[in-house]
Amino acid sequence: MESQERNMPFIKNLASSDRKLRTKSLESLRNFLSARQVASSLSTLDILKLWKGLFYALWMCDRPLPQQALAQDLADLIYVLPENNNKTEVVETWLRGFWATMAREWTGIDVLRLEKFLLLVRRVLGASLAWMKVREQEGEGKDGGKKRKSSGKEKKQKGKWDAKKVDAVVGVLADYPFVLEEDAQPRKLDGEEADEEEEEEKDEAEVKLTPAFVPVGLKLHVLDIWVDEAEKVGLLEDEDEEAKDIVRRITEIVDGLEKSTVSPGVRIRAKQSLLDDRLPFTNIAGSDAGSE
């Protein structure tokens, strides 16, 4: 798939020290991603480069309120991406690009900037879980904001979840924040094969932008917050059987991580998250954890 980089002149400006230029570039990115034909033709390398620019846009953003607003704006880009014929590939690759970027850059984040990236991870995780809900037609407009909140409440009451989106998000969580150390390795995000020299060069660039492992600090943070974010989107409601099944799938992944990880910190934090009394399977998780 041919790269769209030449059609994305705003990438470098996303990391500009000029706030107005960064804001203008982010708006250009929204318009760019909302074009169905353009978004569906983005290569993995394009998405990785976009997320690198977005990472440094937040890096350059100062003061708490602008940082909070930008973190939410970046998380909400998931709703800008078009869904072609109920296919989830574009959004799934977008999310994988985010986690690959965070895993690659995490250890280079200094203490003074860490808080805003912790917030970004929380916002993207929350948006990913909310995206799994079945979207109503009237909630798919470009203005998003109020319509998404309104339709979100209705969907929360109905307890309807999109099976394809659930598979996509759960798969991303299993491959990145909840992946075992020995399973983490550089991977092509879109499954394309390199048959020509040009493709081979692109593969090398993708490998450089794709981490060989997920830092422990990033795993610990996601283990700390995933139950909170699941509760916010209605995954922990007692009467929602679909939601219970989704939570069961996630807890099984976390349970596998807790039992097999070589990191003591990850093991302890995974066990603590499984013992959260908000989870519908706390007793099961607790008995398993206690028997270790």
C-alpha atoms as a PDB file:
ATOM      1  CA  MET A   1       0.000   0.000   0.000  1.00  0.00           C
ATOM      2  CA  GLU A   2       1.453   3.327  -1.057  1.00  0.00           C
ATOM      3  CA  SER A   3       2.348   5.687   1.749  1.00  0.00           C
ATOM      4  CA  GLN A   4       0.244   8.825   2.221  1.00  0.00           C
ATOM      5  CA  GLU A   5       3.121  10.783   3.766  1.00  0.00           C
ATOM      6  CA  ARG A   6       3.344  13.262   0.895  1.00  0.00           C
ATOM      7  CA  ASN A   7      -0.311  14.158   1.554  1.00  0.00           C
ATOM      8  CA  MET A   8       0.369  14.830   5.237  1.00  0.00           C
ATOM      9  CA  PRO A   9       2.477  18.022   5.378  1.00  0.00           C
ATOM     10  CA  PHE A  10       1.084  18.756   8.847  1.00  0.00           C
ATOM     11  CA  ILE A  11       2.957  15.860  10.509  1.00  0.00           C
ATOM     12  CA  LYS A  12       6.043  17.917  11.363  1.00  0.00           C
ATOM     13  CA  ASN A  13       3.911  20.839  12.531  1.00  0.00           C
ATOM     14  CA  LEU A  14       2.162  18.611  15.090  1.00  0.00           C
ATOM     15  CA  ALA A  15       5.358  18.790  17.139  1.00  0.00           C
ATOM     16  CA  SER A  16       5.978  22.503  16.559  1.00  0.00           C
ATOM     17  CA  SER A  17       6.819  24.745  19.514  1.00  0.00           C
ATOM     18  CA  ASP A  18       4.184  27.173  18.181  1.00  0.00           C
ATOM     19  CA  ARG A  19       0.877  26.384  19.922  1.00  0.00           C
ATOM     20  CA  LYS A  20      -1.257  27.967  17.187  1.00  0.00           C
ATOM     21  CA  LEU A  21       0.535  25.956  14.521  1.00  0.00           C
ATOM     22  CA  ARG A  22       0.044  22.736  16.519  1.00  0.00           C
ATOM     23  CA  THR A  23      -3.667  23.483  16.919  1.00  0.00           C
ATOM     24  CA  LYS A  24      -4.074  24.204  13.218  1.00  0.00           C
ATOM     25  CA  SER A  25      -2.213  21.016  12.323  1.00  0.00           C
ATOM     26  CA  LEU A  26      -4.443  18.947  14.620  1.00  0.00           C
ATOM     27  CA  GLU A  27      -7.528  20.341  12.894  1.00  0.00           C
ATOM     28  CA  SER A  28      -5.979  19.490   9.518  1.00  0.00           C
ATOM     29  CA  LEU A  29      -5.382  15.967  10.803  1.00  0.00           C
ATOM     30  CA  ARG A  30      -9.040  15.616  11.824  1.00  0.00           C
ATOM     31  CA  ASN A  31     -10.168  16.639   8.358  1.00  0.00           C
ATOM     32  CA  PHE A  32      -7.603  14.322   6.795  1.00  0.00           C
ATOM     33  CA  LEU A  33      -8.647  11.291   8.847  1.00  0.00           C
ATOM     34  CA  SER A  34     -12.367  11.907   8.348  1.00  0.00           C
ATOM     35  CA  ALA A  35     -12.011  11.362   4.589  1.00  0.00           C
ATOM     36  CA  ARG A  36     -13.093   7.748   4.091  1.00  0.00           C
ATOM     37  CA  GLN A  37     -10.883   7.081   1.071  1.00  0.00           C
ATOM     38  CA  VAL A  38      -7.811   8.640   2.683  1.00  0.00           C
ATOM     39  CA  ALA A  39      -8.137   6.937   6.070  1.00  0.00           C
ATOM     40  CA  SER A  40      -8.641   3.502   4.534  1.00  0.00           C
ATOM     41  CA  SER A  41      -5.480   3.903   2.432  1.00  0.00           C
ATOM     42  CA  LEU A  42      -3.183   4.820   5.324  1.00  0.00           C
ATOM     43  CA  SER A  43      -0.272   2.423   5.672  1.00  0.00           C
ATOM     44  CA  THR A  44       1.042   1.203   8.999  1.00  0.00           C
ATOM     45  CA  LEU A  45       4.071   3.422   8.521  1.00  0.00           C
ATOM     46  CA  ASP A  46       1.795   6.445   7.971  1.00  0.00           C
ATOM     47  CA  ILE A  47      -0.047   5.751  11.222  1.00  0.00           C
ATOM     48  CA  LEU A  48       3.166   5.245  13.182  1.00  0.00           C
ATOM     49  CA  LYS A  49       4.503   8.561  11.867  1.00  0.00           C
ATOM     50  CA  LEU A  50       1.251  10.318  12.715  1.00  0.00           C
ATOM     51  CA  TRP A  51       1.348   9.022  16.283  1.00  0.00           C
ATOM     52  CA  LYS A  52       4.967  10.061  16.621  1.00  0.00           C
ATOM     53  CA  GLY A  53       3.941  13.591  15.648  1.00  0.00           C
ATOM     54  CA  LEU A  54       0.982  13.495  18.051  1.00  0.00           C
ATOM     55  CA  PHE A  55       3.224  12.219  20.842  1.00  0.00           C
ATOM     56  CA  TYR A  56       5.509  15.217  20.467  1.00  0.00           C
ATOM     57  CA  ALA A  57       2.546  17.570  20.121  1.00  0.00           C
ATOM     58  CA  LEU A  58       1.617  16.603  23.684  1.00  0.00           C
ATOM     59  CA  TRP A  59       5.293  16.687  24.667  1.00  0.00           C
ATOM     60  CA  MET A  60       5.460  20.361  23.656  1.00  0.00           C
ATOM     61  CA  CYS A  61       2.130  21.276  25.269  1.00  0.00           C
ATOM     62  CA  ASP A  62       2.483  23.249  28.515  1.00  0.00           C
ATOM     63  CA  ARG A  63       0.093  23.993  31.403  1.00  0.00           C
ATOM     64  CA  PRO A  64      -2.411  21.496  32.845  1.00  0.00           C
ATOM     65  CA  LEU A  65      -5.647  22.623  31.165  1.00  0.00           C
ATOM     66  CA  PRO A  66      -4.277  22.664  27.584  1.00  0.00           C
ATOM     67  CA  GLN A  67      -2.619  19.306  28.270  1.00  0.00           C
ATOM     68  CA  GLN A  68      -5.894  17.791  29.467  1.00  0.00           C
ATOM     69  CA  ALA A  69      -7.767  19.171  26.463  1.00  0.00           C
ATOM     70  CA  LEU A  70      -5.164  17.897  24.004  1.00  0.00           C
ATOM     71  CA  ALA A  71      -5.078  14.431  25.599  1.00  0.00           C
ATOM     72  CA  GLN A  72      -8.854  14.211  25.152  1.00  0.00           C
ATOM     73  CA  ASP A  73      -8.631  15.507  21.574  1.00  0.00           C
ATOM     74  CA  LEU A  74      -6.069  12.838  20.694  1.00  0.00           C
ATOM     75  CA  ALA A  75      -8.179  10.097  22.266  1.00  0.00           C
ATOM     76  CA  ASP A  76     -11.269  11.311  20.383  1.00  0.00           C
ATOM     77  CA  LEU A  77      -9.543  10.891  17.013  1.00  0.00           C
ATOM     78  CA  ILE A  78     -10.771   7.304  17.160  1.00  0.00           C
ATOM     79  CA  TYR A  79     -14.272   8.634  16.431  1.00  0.00           C
ATOM     80  CA  VAL A  80     -13.089  10.642  13.427  1.00  0.00           C
ATOM     81  CA  LEU A  81     -11.846   7.559  11.602  1.00  0.00           C
ATOM     82  CA  PRO A  82     -14.496   6.245   9.187  1.00  0.00           C
ATOM     83  CA  GLU A  83     -15.852   2.720   9.521  1.00  0.00           C
ATOM     84  CA  ASN A  84     -16.203   1.152   6.081  1.00  0.00           C
ATOM     85  CA  ASN A  85     -18.994  -1.423   5.890  1.00  0.00           C
ATOM     86  CA  ASN A  86     -18.734  -2.119   9.602  1.00  0.00           C
ATOM     87  CA  LYS A  87     -15.039  -3.007   9.262  1.00  0.00           C
ATOM     88  CA  THR A  88     -12.715  -2.249  12.159  1.00  0.00           C
ATOM     89  CA  GLU A  89      -9.286  -2.594  10.534  1.00  0.00           C
ATOM     90  CA  VAL A  90      -8.565   1.145  10.283  1.00  0.00           C
ATOM     91  CA  VAL A  91      -9.353   1.847  13.931  1.00  0.00           C
ATOM     92  CA  GLU A  92      -7.585  -1.298  15.127  1.00  0.00           C
ATOM     93  CA  THR A  93      -4.404  -0.348  13.267  1.00  0.00           C
ATOM     94  CA  TRP A  94      -4.737   3.197  14.624  1.00  0.00           C
ATOM     95  CA  LEU A  95      -4.890   1.857  18.190  1.00  0.00           C
ATOM     96  CA  ARG A  96      -1.971  -0.491  17.600  1.00  0.00           C
ATOM     97  CA  GLY A  97      -0.017   2.477  16.287  1.00  0.00           C
ATOM     98  CA  PHE A  98      -0.771   4.356  19.507  1.00  0.00           C
ATOM     99  CA  TRP A  99       0.371   1.545  21.807  1.00  0.00           C
ATOM    100  CA  ALA A 100       3.455   0.879  19.681  1.00  0.00           C
ATOM    101  CA  THR A 101       4.366   4.564  19.945  1.00  0.00           C
ATOM    102  CA  MET A 102       3.824   4.697  23.705  1.00  0.00           C
ATOM    103  CA  ALA A 103       5.848   1.519  24.220  1.00  0.00           C
ATOM    104  CA  ARG A 104       8.679   2.884  22.089  1.00  0.00           C
ATOM    105  CA  GLU A 105       8.799   6.324  23.719  1.00  0.00           C
ATOM    106  CA  TRP A 106       7.821   5.483  27.313  1.00  0.00           C
ATOM    107  CA  THR A 107      11.267   5.119  28.854  1.00  0.00           C
ATOM    108  CA  GLY A 108      12.333   8.464  27.378  1.00  0.00           C
ATOM    109  CA  ILE A 109       9.593  10.465  29.123  1.00  0.00           C
ATOM    110  CA  ASP A 110      11.041  12.587  31.922  1.00  0.00           C
ATOM    111  CA  VAL A 111       9.400  12.979  35.320  1.00  0.00           C
ATOM    112  CA  LEU A 112       8.121  16.489  34.578  1.00  0.00           C
ATOM    113  CA  ARG A 113       6.217  15.291  31.502  1.00  0.00           C
ATOM    114  CA  LEU A 114       5.087  11.892  32.773  1.00  0.00           C
ATOM    115  CA  GLU A 115       1.748  13.051  34.206  1.00  0.00           C
ATOM    116  CA  LYS A 116       0.326  14.216  30.880  1.00  0.00           C
ATOM    117  CA  PHE A 117       1.268  10.965  29.162  1.00  0.00           C
ATOM    118  CA  LEU A 118      -0.304   8.950  31.966  1.00  0.00           C
ATOM    119  CA  LEU A 119      -3.447  10.959  31.261  1.00  0.00           C
ATOM    120  CA  LEU A 120      -3.173  10.321  27.514  1.00  0.00           C
ATOM    121  CA  VAL A 121      -2.993   6.558  28.087  1.00  0.00           C
ATOM    122  CA  ARG A 122      -6.049   6.749  30.345  1.00  0.00           C
ATOM    123  CA  ARG A 123      -8.013   8.782  27.795  1.00  0.00           C
ATOM    124  CA  VAL A 124      -7.135   6.511  24.860  1.00  0.00           C
ATOM    125  CA  LEU A 125      -7.939   3.382  26.860  1.00  0.00           C
ATOM    126  CA  GLY A 126     -11.283   4.866  27.886  1.00  0.00           C
ATOM    127  CA  ALA A 127     -12.088   5.905  24.314  1.00  0.00           C
ATOM    128  CA  SER A 128     -11.167   2.423  23.066  1.00  0.00           C
ATOM    129  CA  LEU A 129     -13.530   0.730  25.511  1.00  0.00           C
ATOM    130  CA  ALA A 130     -16.320   3.197  24.698  1.00  0.00           C
ATOM    131  CA  TRP A 131     -15.765   2.646  20.960  1.00  0.00           C
ATOM    132  CA  MET A 132     -16.774  -1.003  21.412  1.00  0.00           C
ATOM    133  CA  LYS A 133     -20.390   0.061  21.887  1.00  0.00           C
ATOM    134  CA  VAL A 134     -22.865  -0.188  19.036  1.00  0.00           C
ATOM    135  CA  ARG A 135     -23.114   3.255  17.467  1.00  0.00           C
ATOM    136  CA  GLU A 136     -26.459   4.675  16.458  1.00  0.00           C
ATOM    137  CA  GLN A 137     -26.792   6.443  13.128  1.00  0.00           C
ATOM    138  CA  GLU A 138     -27.497   9.841  14.639  1.00  0.00           C
ATOM    139  CA  GLY A 139     -24.356   9.650  16.742  1.00  0.00           C
ATOM    140  CA  GLU A 140     -22.000   9.368  13.791  1.00  0.00           C
ATOM    141  CA  GLY A 141     -21.853  13.030  12.804  1.00  0.00           C
ATOM    142  CA  LYS A 142     -18.606  14.942  12.482  1.00  0.00           C
ATOM    143  CA  ASP A 143     -19.359  17.207  15.418  1.00  0.00           C
ATOM    144  CA  GLY A 144     -19.205  14.152  17.698  1.00  0.00           C
ATOM    145  CA  GLY A 145     -19.037  15.752  21.184  1.00  0.00           C
ATOM    146  CA  LYS A 146     -22.567  16.110  22.513  1.00  0.00           C
ATOM    147  CA  LYS A 147     -24.034  13.486  20.200  1.00  0.00           C
ATOM    148  CA  ARG A 148     -21.500  10.900  21.315  1.00  0.00           C
ATOM    149  CA  LYS A 149     -22.252  11.574  24.962  1.00  0.00           C
ATOM    150  CA  SER A 150     -25.990  11.352  24.398  1.00  0.00           C
ATOM    151  CA  SER A 151     -25.888   8.167  22.344  1.00  0.00           C
ATOM    152  CA  GLY A 152     -23.344   6.731  24.776  1.00  0.00           C
ATOM    153  CA  LYS A 153     -25.813   7.001  27.644  1.00  0.00           C
ATOM    154  CA  GLU A 154     -28.533   5.354  25.599  1.00  0.00           C
ATOM    155  CA  LYS A 155     -26.227   2.524  24.575  1.00  0.00           C
ATOM    156  CA  LYS A 156     -25.105   2.106  28.148  1.00  0.00           C
ATOM    157  CA  GLN A 157     -28.709   1.456  29.142  1.00  0.00           C
ATOM    158  CA  LYS A 158     -29.259  -0.961  26.254  1.00  0.00           C
ATOM    159  CA  GLY A 159     -26.002  -2.771  26.977  1.00  0.00           C
ATOM    160  CA  LYS A 160     -25.232  -3.375  23.307  1.00  0.00           C
ATOM    161  CA  TRP A 161     -21.664  -4.044  22.246  1.00  0.00           C
ATOM    162  CA  ASP A 162     -20.237  -4.559  18.759  1.00  0.00           C
ATOM    163  CA  ALA A 163     -18.617  -8.013  18.584  1.00  0.00           C
ATOM    164  CA  LYS A 164     -16.068  -7.025  15.914  1.00  0.00           C
ATOM    165  CA  LYS A 165     -14.999  -3.953  17.849  1.00  0.00           C
ATOM    166  CA  VAL A 166     -14.751  -5.963  21.053  1.00  0.00           C
ATOM    167  CA  ASP A 167     -12.487  -8.507  19.345  1.00  0.00           C
ATOM    168  CA  ALA A 168     -10.320  -5.687  17.976  1.00  0.00           C
ATOM    169  CA  VAL A 169      -9.878  -3.867  21.300  1.00  0.00           C
ATOM    170  CA  VAL A 170      -9.363  -7.014  23.375  1.00  0.00           C
ATOM    171  CA  GLY A 171      -6.798  -8.193  20.823  1.00  0.00           C
ATOM    172  CA  VAL A 172      -4.906  -4.902  21.039  1.00  0.00           C
ATOM    173  CA  LEU A 173      -4.853  -5.068  24.846  1.00  0.00           C
ATOM    174  CA  ALA A 174      -3.537  -8.629  24.714  1.00  0.00           C
ATOM    175  CA  ASP A 175      -0.786  -7.671  22.255  1.00  0.00           C
ATOM    176  CA  TYR A 176       0.421  -4.526  24.014  1.00  0.00           C
ATOM    177  CA  PRO A 177      -0.252  -3.445  27.635  1.00  0.00           C
ATOM    178  CA  PHE A 178      -1.101  -6.979  28.810  1.00  0.00           C
ATOM    179  CA  VAL A 179       1.396  -8.894  26.664  1.00  0.00           C
ATOM    180  CA  LEU A 180       3.866 -11.307  28.256  1.00  0.00           C
ATOM    181  CA  GLU A 181       7.518 -10.302  28.033  1.00  0.00           C
ATOM    182  CA  GLU A 182       8.481 -13.311  25.933  1.00  0.00           C
ATOM    183  CA  ASP A 183       5.596 -12.701  23.522  1.00  0.00           C
ATOM    184  CA  ALA A 184       6.451  -9.047  22.852  1.00  0.00           C
ATOM    185  CA  GLN A 185       8.417  -8.539  19.644  1.00  0.00           C
ATOM    186  CA  PRO A 186       8.573  -6.201  16.651  1.00  0.00           C
ATOM    187  CA  ARG A 187       5.541  -6.949  14.501  1.00  0.00           C
ATOM    188  CA  LYS A 188       3.980  -5.653  11.300  1.00  0.00           C
ATOM    189  CA  LEU A 189       0.696  -4.074  12.267  1.00  0.00           C
ATOM    190  CA  ASP A 190      -1.189  -4.639   9.025  1.00  0.00           C
ATOM    191  CA  GLY A 191       0.108  -8.043   7.921  1.00  0.00           C
ATOM    192  CA  GLU A 192       1.460  -6.835   4.577  1.00  0.00           C
ATOM    193  CA  GLU A 193       4.260  -8.806   2.937  1.00  0.00           C
ATOM    194  CA  ALA A 194       7.336  -7.160   1.467  1.00  0.00           C
ATOM    195  CA  ASP A 195       7.913  -8.435  -2.070  1.00  0.00           C
ATOM    196  CA  GLU A 196       9.888  -5.558  -3.556  1.00  0.00           C
ATOM    197  CA  GLU A 197      12.853  -3.453  -2.533  1.00  0.00           C
ATOM    198  CA  GLU A 198      10.629  -0.452  -1.786  1.00  0.00           C
ATOM    199  CA  GLU A 199       8.453  -2.586   0.482  1.00  0.00           C
ATOM    200  CA  GLU A 200      11.535  -3.941   2.251  1.00  0.00           C
ATOM    201  CA  GLU A 201      12.724  -0.410   2.998  1.00  0.00           C
ATOM    202  CA  LYS A 202       9.296   0.426   4.385  1.00  0.00           C
ATOM    203  CA  ASP A 203       9.387  -2.712   6.531  1.00  0.00           C
ATOM    204  CA  GLU A 204      12.706  -1.619   8.030  1.00  0.00           C
ATOM    205  CA  ALA A 205      11.222   1.775   8.869  1.00  0.00           C
ATOM    206  CA  GLU A 206       8.210   0.116  10.508  1.00  0.00           C
ATOM    207  CA  VAL A 207      10.436  -2.128  12.623  1.00  0.00           C
ATOM    208  CA  LYS A 208      12.329   0.938  13.851  1.00  0.00           C
ATOM    209  CA  LEU A 209       9.025   2.510  14.894  1.00  0.00           C
ATOM    210  CA  THR A 210       7.666  -0.691  16.478  1.00  0.00           C
ATOM    211  CA  PRO A 211       8.987  -1.668  19.942  1.00  0.00           C
ATOM    212  CA  ALA A 212      10.529  -5.026  20.770  1.00  0.00           C
ATOM    213  CA  PHE A 213       8.917  -4.962  24.232  1.00  0.00           C
ATOM    214  CA  VAL A 214       6.374  -3.090  26.327  1.00  0.00           C
ATOM    215  CA  PRO A 215       7.974  -1.219  29.272  1.00  0.00           C
ATOM    216  CA  VAL A 216       6.954  -2.369  32.737  1.00  0.00           C
ATOM    217  CA  GLY A 217       5.940   1.167  33.721  1.00  0.00           C
ATOM    218  CA  LEU A 218       3.379   1.321  30.918  1.00  0.00           C
ATOM    219  CA  LYS A 219       1.964  -2.071  31.894  1.00  0.00           C
ATOM    220  CA  LEU A 220       1.681  -1.029  35.540  1.00  0.00           C
ATOM    221  CA  HIS A 221      -0.238   2.111  34.635  1.00  0.00           C
ATOM    222  CA  VAL A 222      -2.756   0.257  32.461  1.00  0.00           C
ATOM    223  CA  LEU A 223      -3.218  -2.386  35.161  1.00  0.00           C
ATOM    224  CA  ASP A 224      -3.951   0.457  37.586  1.00  0.00           C
ATOM    225  CA  ILE A 225      -6.620   2.124  35.456  1.00  0.00           C
ATOM    226  CA  TRP A 226      -8.380  -0.476  33.306  1.00  0.00           C
ATOM    227  CA  VAL A 227     -11.080  -1.303  35.866  1.00  0.00           C
ATOM    228  CA  ASP A 228     -11.807   2.419  36.376  1.00  0.00           C
ATOM    229  CA  GLU A 229     -12.219   2.967  32.641  1.00  0.00           C
ATOM    230  CA  ALA A 230     -14.304  -0.189  32.243  1.00  0.00           C
ATOM    231  CA  GLU A 231     -16.669   1.081  34.923  1.00  0.00           C
ATOM    232  CA  LYS A 232     -17.014   4.493  33.252  1.00  0.00           C
ATOM    233  CA  VAL A 233     -18.251   3.005  29.966  1.00  0.00           C
ATOM    234  CA  GLY A 234     -20.727   0.632  31.612  1.00  0.00           C
ATOM    235  CA  LEU A 235     -18.804  -2.636  31.364  1.00  0.00           C
ATOM    236  CA  LEU A 236     -19.365  -3.435  35.047  1.00  0.00           C
ATOM    237  CA  GLU A 237     -23.160  -3.191  35.094  1.00  0.00           C
ATOM    238  CA  ASP A 238     -24.708  -6.247  36.745  1.00  0.00           C
ATOM    239  CA  GLU A 239     -27.600  -6.610  34.300  1.00  0.00           C
ATOM    240  CA  ASP A 240     -25.467  -6.454  31.138  1.00  0.00           C
ATOM    241  CA  GLU A 241     -24.514 -10.023  30.207  1.00  0.00           C
ATOM    242  CA  GLU A 242     -22.640  -8.919  27.075  1.00  0.00           C
ATOM    243  CA  ALA A 243     -20.493  -6.615  29.175  1.00  0.00           C
ATOM    244  CA  LYS A 244     -19.799  -9.402  31.663  1.00  0.00           C
ATOM    245  CA  ASP A 245     -18.480 -11.571  28.855  1.00  0.00           C
ATOM    246  CA  ILE A 246     -16.170  -8.768  27.687  1.00  0.00           C
ATOM    247  CA  VAL A 247     -14.867  -8.220  31.215  1.00  0.00           C
ATOM    248  CA  ARG A 248     -14.351 -11.963  31.605  1.00  0.00           C
ATOM    249  CA  ARG A 249     -12.174 -11.986  28.477  1.00  0.00           C
ATOM    250  CA  ILE A 250     -10.073  -9.102  29.764  1.00  0.00           C
ATOM    251  CA  THR A 251      -9.696 -10.609  33.238  1.00  0.00           C
ATOM    252  CA  GLU A 252      -8.554 -13.894  31.685  1.00  0.00           C
ATOM    253  CA  ILE A 253      -5.798 -12.015  29.847  1.00  0.00           C
ATOM    254  CA  VAL A 254      -4.765 -10.182  33.027  1.00  0.00           C
ATOM    255  CA  ASP A 255      -4.909 -13.451  34.971  1.00  0.00           C
ATOM    256  CA  GLY A 256      -2.593 -15.077  32.429  1.00  0.00           C
ATOM    257  CA  LEU A 257      -0.228 -12.130  32.752  1.00  0.00           C
ATOM    258  CA  GLU A 258      -0.296 -12.386  36.554  1.00  0.00           C
ATOM    259  CA  LYS A 259       0.523 -16.094  36.499  1.00  0.00           C
ATOM    260  CA  SER A 260       3.241 -16.015  33.834  1.00  0.00           C
ATOM    261  CA  THR A 261       5.036 -12.656  33.995  1.00  0.00           C
ATOM    262  CA  VAL A 262       8.647 -12.556  35.147  1.00  0.00           C
ATOM    263  CA  SER A 263       8.195  -9.058  36.592  1.00  0.00           C
ATOM    264  CA  PRO A 264       7.323  -9.020  40.320  1.00  0.00           C
ATOM    265  CA  GLY A 265       5.807  -5.554  39.990  1.00  0.00           C
ATOM    266  CA  VAL A 266       3.536  -6.575  37.117  1.00  0.00           C
ATOM    267  CA  ARG A 267       2.513  -9.743  38.973  1.00  0.00           C
ATOM    268  CA  ILE A 268       1.531  -7.804  42.095  1.00  0.00           C
ATOM    269  CA  ARG A 269      -0.323  -5.091  40.186  1.00  0.00           C
ATOM    270  CA  ALA A 270      -2.167  -7.621  38.006  1.00  0.00           C
ATOM    271  CA  LYS A 271      -3.248  -9.538  41.107  1.00  0.00           C
ATOM    272  CA  GLN A 272      -4.474  -6.330  42.740  1.00  0.00           C
ATOM    273  CA  SER A 273      -6.549  -5.403  39.690  1.00  0.00           C
ATOM    274  CA  LEU A 274      -8.145  -8.862  39.621  1.00  0.00           C
ATOM    275  CA  LEU A 275      -9.125  -8.482  43.281  1.00  0.00           C
ATOM    276  CA  ASP A 276     -10.992  -5.217  42.624  1.00  0.00           C
ATOM    277  CA  ASP A 277     -14.419  -5.694  44.215  1.00  0.00           C
ATOM    278  CA  ARG A 278     -16.101  -3.906  41.300  1.00  0.00           C
ATOM    279  CA  LEU A 279     -15.321  -6.829  38.995  1.00  0.00           C
ATOM    280  CA  PRO A 280     -18.090  -9.433  38.629  1.00  0.00           C
ATOM    281  CA  PHE A 281     -15.521 -12.236  38.938  1.00  0.00           C
ATOM    282  CA  THR A 282     -13.664 -10.977  42.015  1.00  0.00           C
ATOM    283  CA  ASN A 283     -14.247 -14.134  44.026  1.00  0.00           C
ATOM    284  CA  ILE A 284     -12.989 -16.358  41.224  1.00  0.00           C
ATOM    285  CA  ALA A 285      -9.932 -14.184  40.628  1.00  0.00           C
ATOM    286  CA  GLY A 286      -9.295 -13.929  44.344  1.00  0.00           C
ATOM    287  CA  SER A 287      -9.388 -17.672  44.915  1.00  0.00           C
ATOM    288  CA  ASP A 288      -7.070 -18.281  41.964  1.00  0.00           C
ATOM    289  CA  ALA A 289      -4.662 -15.578  43.078  1.00  0.00           C
ATOM    290  CA  GLY A 290      -4.716 -16.782  46.645  1.00  0.00           C
ATOM    291  CA  SER A 291      -3.812 -20.309  45.631  1.00  0.00           C
ATOM    292  CA  GLU A 292      -0.577 -19.193  43.981  1.00  0.00           C
END
